Amino acid sequence: MDMTDTPAIPGPKPRPRATTGHVAGGSATTRILRGAERTDPAFLIAWQKLVEGAAEPNPFFEPWFLTASLNHLDPNNTHTLLTHWSQEQLTGLMPLAQPTRYYGYPMPHLATWLHTNAFCGVPLVRSGYEQQFWRDALHHLDRNSRRALFLHCAQLPADGPVNRALDTVLARTKRRAVTVDTAQRAMLSSQLSPQEYLKQNLSSKRRKELRRQRKRLEEAGALSFERCDDGSGIDQWIADFLALEASGWKGDARSALGCDARTQAFFTHALNRAARFGRLERLTLRLDGTPIAMLANFLAPPGLFGFKTAFDERYARFSPGLLLQLENLDLLTRPGIDWADSCAVQGHSMIERIWSEKRRVISRNIALGGPIARAGFRLLSAYETRAGSGS
């Protein structure tokens, strides 16, 4: 049993090396947490309070998800948590990695830690502290970056309050930064009803075809749909999902979650914890009781994030994954959810058929260190921009 499964008992907060600044109403401190410090019970309480007051939701940096990630995908405890505190209140959190290579070249830098199954990199920042977080965090990293030339911040929602605050801090401090990647991924955000939304985004011919495909499935057996937002039957659901995903092309490519013991353990841990904290919604389309399409969403009011989906490729001609997404349009009527991020790659052939809104997500490199390091970063950013990989 790990510490996240034990009762949270208040105790002394960890006190690693820190830098201190000043904000309105008191002092602010930036601390780097390592190893067991990341799961100290008192810290977990503060972390959860930060989630509840965050300016921008990010389930991938909430305690239940990030702790599962660290436990199973960081076995050597190499990653750290940059934390920002104001008067002993946790006001910001960002997981950090220290890569030694950048696009194959030996180039030490710091980076927001995102593994291949995490799809949003915006730090958790308490509302009202966005600019203070970035100012103090970057100042701390300047003094403790060692040989790192820059901080790589991946998958930031470009139009969110945290990235806007970063823009303000960069402008005020004249710190150089470059955008190295931009993507537009499918998003659901509308005042329309599910029926009106579908009519707006799919032609009558395509809607008719989907009705035909559903009818053919119903002729093949008993077709049923389930939606669950609690922990009932979670273990069997996880086992069914892993088996369904592994049965298709991801299994053939050895990229399915169940193909690696670490990612399977991470997925199992994360979904169990998400269900326990009321952050998980599971959708299942069944034929004669057997899952043929499954979807896991993470609830992060006022948003929702699509996490993982799988379908039985033997029924591909009936579009079971798309039929399940039609059921998912009920998100438009769900209280407390104003928008949904698909977390899908730009140009995704299925979700972009029906979700017409876009969320712009960017990755940025930000200069760190003293004059010599910043001169090196200036040369690097000039090269990336000239090569057409930045903007």
Foldseek 3Di string as FASTA:
>chain_A
DDLVPDAQDDDDQDDADWDWDDDPPFIKIKHKAFDPSLRRSNVLVLQVVLLVQFQDHFPCPRCQQVVLCCVQVVVPRQKIWIWMDGPNRTFKIFIKHWDQDDPRHRATAIEGDDDPQGQAGQIGGGPPCLLVVLVRVQVVCQVVVVRHLWYKGFWYQCPGPNNVSVVVNCVVVVWDKWWQDKFKAFKAFDLDALVVLQPVQAPPVVVVLLVVLVVVLVVVAPKDKDKDQACPPVVVVLVLQQVQALQDPCVVVCNGQVSDPSSSSSVSSSVNSQRVVSQWMKMFIDGNRRTFKIWIWGDRFLAIETRDIGGHVVSVVSVPHLVRVSVVSNLSVDPRHRMYTDSDGHPPPRPCSRRPHIGMTTMMITGHYDDVSSVVVVVVSVVSVVVVSID
